Every structure is written in structure tokens, then in C-alpha cells.
């Protein structure tokens, strides 16, 4: 039996070691040596990790999302239901969009 951690466990430990620091999916993928195409999976993993962390910490820790922002006009995508990088800005139609960032929040 191997004592190796799953990707979700590695990401959780990564956040626990860096509370308060914002990371995009691209940052996480680069850190763990994943391909950019695996970002959809990472979004699902972040959602799962956040729920697990909330439950295990009795509501004292969670992962918050800073919404995506258009780099051309500054539009903030506040109304997205699931974390993802939008393809186009609804205001200016630009594709220059910063992806959402995720941060570990610890309540005191």
C-alpha cells in the first residue's frame, strides 16, 4: 500500500501552507506540473476541497473565490454560478480575461 497523497490532498495542503494568498487555476496547475487543459478538473477539485475544508474545520476555514475580471474594460463577473474562466466579456467582447483566483480564508 502506498502512502501517496491524491491531487486534492496536495492542493488542500498547498492552501493550508499559504493562507490568505490568492492563486489562479493556472498557478496551481504550474505548481503541480499539470497541463493547462486540466483546468476544468481543477475547478471541480477546488469546489470539493472547499466543501471538505468547511466541514472538517466546523466552518472556520473555507476557500473563497475572487471573480474573473476583464483586463480591457474592468468588468467583474459577479454572477457566475460555478467557478470558471469566461470566454468573452459581455460588455466589450474582449477575450482578455483574468481567471478567478482562490484564497484560503480562516475565520477567527
C-alpha atoms as a PDB file:
ATOM      1  CA  UNK A   1       0.000   0.000   0.000  1.00  0.00           C
ATOM      2  CA  UNK A   2       1.374   3.369  -0.997  1.00  0.00           C
ATOM      3  CA  UNK A   3       1.200   6.342   1.293  1.00  0.00           C
ATOM      4  CA  UNK A   4       0.951   8.835  -1.561  1.00  0.00           C
ATOM      5  CA  UNK A   5      -1.440  11.781  -1.455  1.00  0.00           C
ATOM      6  CA  UNK A   6      -4.133  12.408  -4.040  1.00  0.00           C
ATOM      7  CA  UNK A   7      -4.112  15.627  -6.056  1.00  0.00           C
ATOM      8  CA  UNK A   8      -6.930  17.039  -3.917  1.00  0.00           C
ATOM      9  CA  UNK A   9      -4.969  16.320  -0.734  1.00  0.00           C
ATOM     10  CA  UNK A  10      -1.904  18.003  -2.226  1.00  0.00           C
ATOM     11  CA  UNK A  11      -3.933  21.085  -3.199  1.00  0.00           C
ATOM     12  CA  UNK A  12      -5.511  21.226   0.273  1.00  0.00           C
ATOM     13  CA  UNK A  13      -2.078  21.095   1.934  1.00  0.00           C
ATOM     14  CA  UNK A  14      -0.829  23.731  -0.528  1.00  0.00           C
ATOM     15  CA  UNK A  15      -3.607  26.097   0.597  1.00  0.00           C
ATOM     16  CA  UNK A  16      -3.099  25.279   4.289  1.00  0.00           C
ATOM     17  CA  UNK A  17       0.576  26.241   3.910  1.00  0.00           C
ATOM     18  CA  UNK A  18      -0.364  29.532   2.160  1.00  0.00           C
ATOM     19  CA  UNK A  19      -3.421  31.030   3.917  1.00  0.00           C
ATOM     20  CA  UNK A  20      -4.505  34.426   2.608  1.00  0.00           C
ATOM     21  CA  UNK A  21      -2.586  34.106  -0.676  1.00  0.00           C
ATOM     22  CA  UNK A  22      -4.594  34.218  -3.933  1.00  0.00           C
ATOM     23  CA  UNK A  23      -3.905  31.571  -6.567  1.00  0.00           C
ATOM     24  CA  UNK A  24      -5.429  31.155 -10.007  1.00  0.00           C
ATOM     25  CA  UNK A  25      -6.046  27.739 -11.519  1.00  0.00           C
ATOM     26  CA  UNK A  26      -3.043  28.370 -13.783  1.00  0.00           C
ATOM     27  CA  UNK A  27      -0.823  28.976 -10.727  1.00  0.00           C
ATOM     28  CA  UNK A  28      -1.962  25.721  -9.138  1.00  0.00           C
ATOM     29  CA  UNK A  29      -1.531  23.777 -12.390  1.00  0.00           C
ATOM     30  CA  UNK A  30       2.002  25.149 -12.831  1.00  0.00           C
ATOM     31  CA  UNK A  31       2.940  24.357  -9.221  1.00  0.00           C
ATOM     32  CA  UNK A  32       1.823  20.729  -9.544  1.00  0.00           C
ATOM     33  CA  UNK A  33       3.132  20.271 -13.096  1.00  0.00           C
ATOM     34  CA  UNK A  34      -0.303  19.832 -14.683  1.00  0.00           C
ATOM     35  CA  UNK A  35      -1.234  20.754 -18.226  1.00  0.00           C
ATOM     36  CA  UNK A  36      -3.354  23.893 -18.741  1.00  0.00           C
ATOM     37  CA  UNK A  37      -6.048  21.720 -20.341  1.00  0.00           C
ATOM     38  CA  UNK A  38      -6.663  20.050 -16.978  1.00  0.00           C
ATOM     39  CA  UNK A  39      -8.011  23.301 -15.551  1.00  0.00           C
ATOM     40  CA  UNK A  40     -11.636  22.140 -15.769  1.00  0.00           C
ATOM     41  CA  UNK A  41     -10.785  19.276 -13.424  1.00  0.00           C
ATOM     42  CA  UNK A  42      -9.020  21.672 -11.056  1.00  0.00           C
ATOM     43  CA  UNK A  43     -12.133  23.847 -10.815  1.00  0.00           C
ATOM     44  CA  UNK A  44     -14.105  20.772  -9.705  1.00  0.00           C
ATOM     45  CA  UNK A  45     -11.343  19.840  -7.255  1.00  0.00           C
ATOM     46  CA  UNK A  46     -11.359  23.345  -5.715  1.00  0.00           C
ATOM     47  CA  UNK A  47     -15.135  23.145  -5.166  1.00  0.00           C
ATOM     48  CA  UNK A  48     -14.774  19.762  -3.476  1.00  0.00           C
ATOM     49  CA  UNK A  49     -11.803  20.875  -1.363  1.00  0.00           C
ATOM     50  CA  UNK A  50     -13.693  23.954  -0.200  1.00  0.00           C
ATOM     51  CA  UNK A  51     -16.669  21.877   0.955  1.00  0.00           C
ATOM     52  CA  UNK A  52     -14.413  19.360   2.692  1.00  0.00           C
ATOM     53  CA  UNK A  53     -12.395  22.087   4.402  1.00  0.00           C
ATOM     54  CA  UNK A  54     -15.555  23.864   5.595  1.00  0.00           C
ATOM     55  CA  UNK A  55     -16.950  20.635   7.030  1.00  0.00           C
ATOM     56  CA  UNK A  56     -13.728  19.455   8.700  1.00  0.00           C
ATOM     57  CA  UNK A  57     -12.982  22.859  10.260  1.00  0.00           C
ATOM     58  CA  UNK A  58     -16.562  23.326  11.566  1.00  0.00           C
ATOM     59  CA  UNK A  59     -16.982  26.441   9.446  1.00  0.00           C
ATOM     60  CA  UNK A  60     -13.779  28.222  10.455  1.00  0.00           C
ATOM     61  CA  UNK A  61     -11.926  27.742   7.135  1.00  0.00           C
ATOM     62  CA  UNK A  62     -13.066  27.899   3.531  1.00  0.00           C
ATOM     63  CA  UNK A  63     -11.774  28.724   0.071  1.00  0.00           C
ATOM     64  CA  UNK A  64     -13.194  31.965  -1.329  1.00  0.00           C
ATOM     65  CA  UNK A  65     -13.232  32.946  -4.984  1.00  0.00           C
ATOM     66  CA  UNK A  66     -12.237  36.345  -6.337  1.00  0.00           C
ATOM     67  CA  UNK A  67     -14.304  36.619  -9.547  1.00  0.00           C
ATOM     68  CA  UNK A  68     -12.800  36.904 -13.047  1.00  0.00           C
ATOM     69  CA  UNK A  69     -12.089  40.424 -14.342  1.00  0.00           C
ATOM     70  CA  UNK A  70     -11.886  41.760 -17.901  1.00  0.00           C
ATOM     71  CA  UNK A  71      -8.449  43.290 -18.465  1.00  0.00           C
ATOM     72  CA  UNK A  72      -9.773  45.597 -21.194  1.00  0.00           C
ATOM     73  CA  UNK A  73     -12.716  47.340 -19.525  1.00  0.00           C
ATOM     74  CA  UNK A  74     -12.543  46.180 -15.889  1.00  0.00           C
ATOM     75  CA  UNK A  75     -15.875  44.322 -15.918  1.00  0.00           C
ATOM     76  CA  UNK A  76     -16.205  41.999 -12.903  1.00  0.00           C
ATOM     77  CA  UNK A  77     -18.021  38.704 -13.471  1.00  0.00           C
ATOM     78  CA  UNK A  78     -20.012  38.666 -10.225  1.00  0.00           C
ATOM     79  CA  UNK A  79     -22.901  36.466 -11.334  1.00  0.00           C
ATOM     80  CA  UNK A  80     -21.124  33.248 -12.277  1.00  0.00           C
ATOM     81  CA  UNK A  81     -22.601  30.200 -10.562  1.00  0.00           C
ATOM     82  CA  UNK A  82     -19.687  27.770 -10.928  1.00  0.00           C
ATOM     83  CA  UNK A  83     -16.039  28.822 -10.912  1.00  0.00           C
ATOM     84  CA  UNK A  84     -14.690  29.039 -14.453  1.00  0.00           C
ATOM     85  CA  UNK A  85     -12.887  31.430 -16.756  1.00  0.00           C
ATOM     86  CA  UNK A  86     -15.430  33.116 -19.051  1.00  0.00           C
ATOM     87  CA  UNK A  87     -14.581  33.159 -22.745  1.00  0.00           C
ATOM     88  CA  UNK A  88     -15.688  36.745 -23.533  1.00  0.00           C
ATOM     89  CA  UNK A  89     -16.569  39.936 -21.716  1.00  0.00           C
ATOM     90  CA  UNK A  90     -20.287  40.735 -22.111  1.00  0.00           C
ATOM     91  CA  UNK A  91     -19.566  44.475 -22.067  1.00  0.00           C
ATOM     92  CA  UNK A  92     -16.673  44.929 -24.522  1.00  0.00           C
ATOM     93  CA  UNK A  93     -16.448  41.425 -26.107  1.00  0.00           C
ATOM     94  CA  UNK A  94     -12.749  41.200 -25.259  1.00  0.00           C
ATOM     95  CA  UNK A  95     -11.193  37.805 -24.574  1.00  0.00           C
ATOM     96  CA  UNK A  96      -8.521  39.304 -22.273  1.00  0.00           C
ATOM     97  CA  UNK A  97      -9.941  37.993 -19.010  1.00  0.00           C
ATOM     98  CA  UNK A  98      -8.106  37.262 -15.783  1.00  0.00           C
ATOM     99  CA  UNK A  99      -9.265  33.890 -14.432  1.00  0.00           C
ATOM    100  CA  UNK A 100     -10.845  33.625 -10.982  1.00  0.00           C
ATOM    101  CA  UNK A 101      -8.477  33.444  -8.038  1.00  0.00           C
ATOM    102  CA  UNK A 102      -8.945  31.330  -4.946  1.00  0.00           C
ATOM    103  CA  UNK A 103      -7.800  32.090  -1.410  1.00  0.00           C
ATOM    104  CA  UNK A 104      -7.967  30.206   1.885  1.00  0.00           C
ATOM    105  CA  UNK A 105      -9.913  32.245   4.446  1.00  0.00           C
ATOM    106  CA  UNK A 106      -9.549  31.481   8.151  1.00  0.00           C
ATOM    107  CA  UNK A 107     -12.203  32.900  10.479  1.00  0.00           C
ATOM    108  CA  UNK A 108     -11.075  33.853  13.951  1.00  0.00           C
END
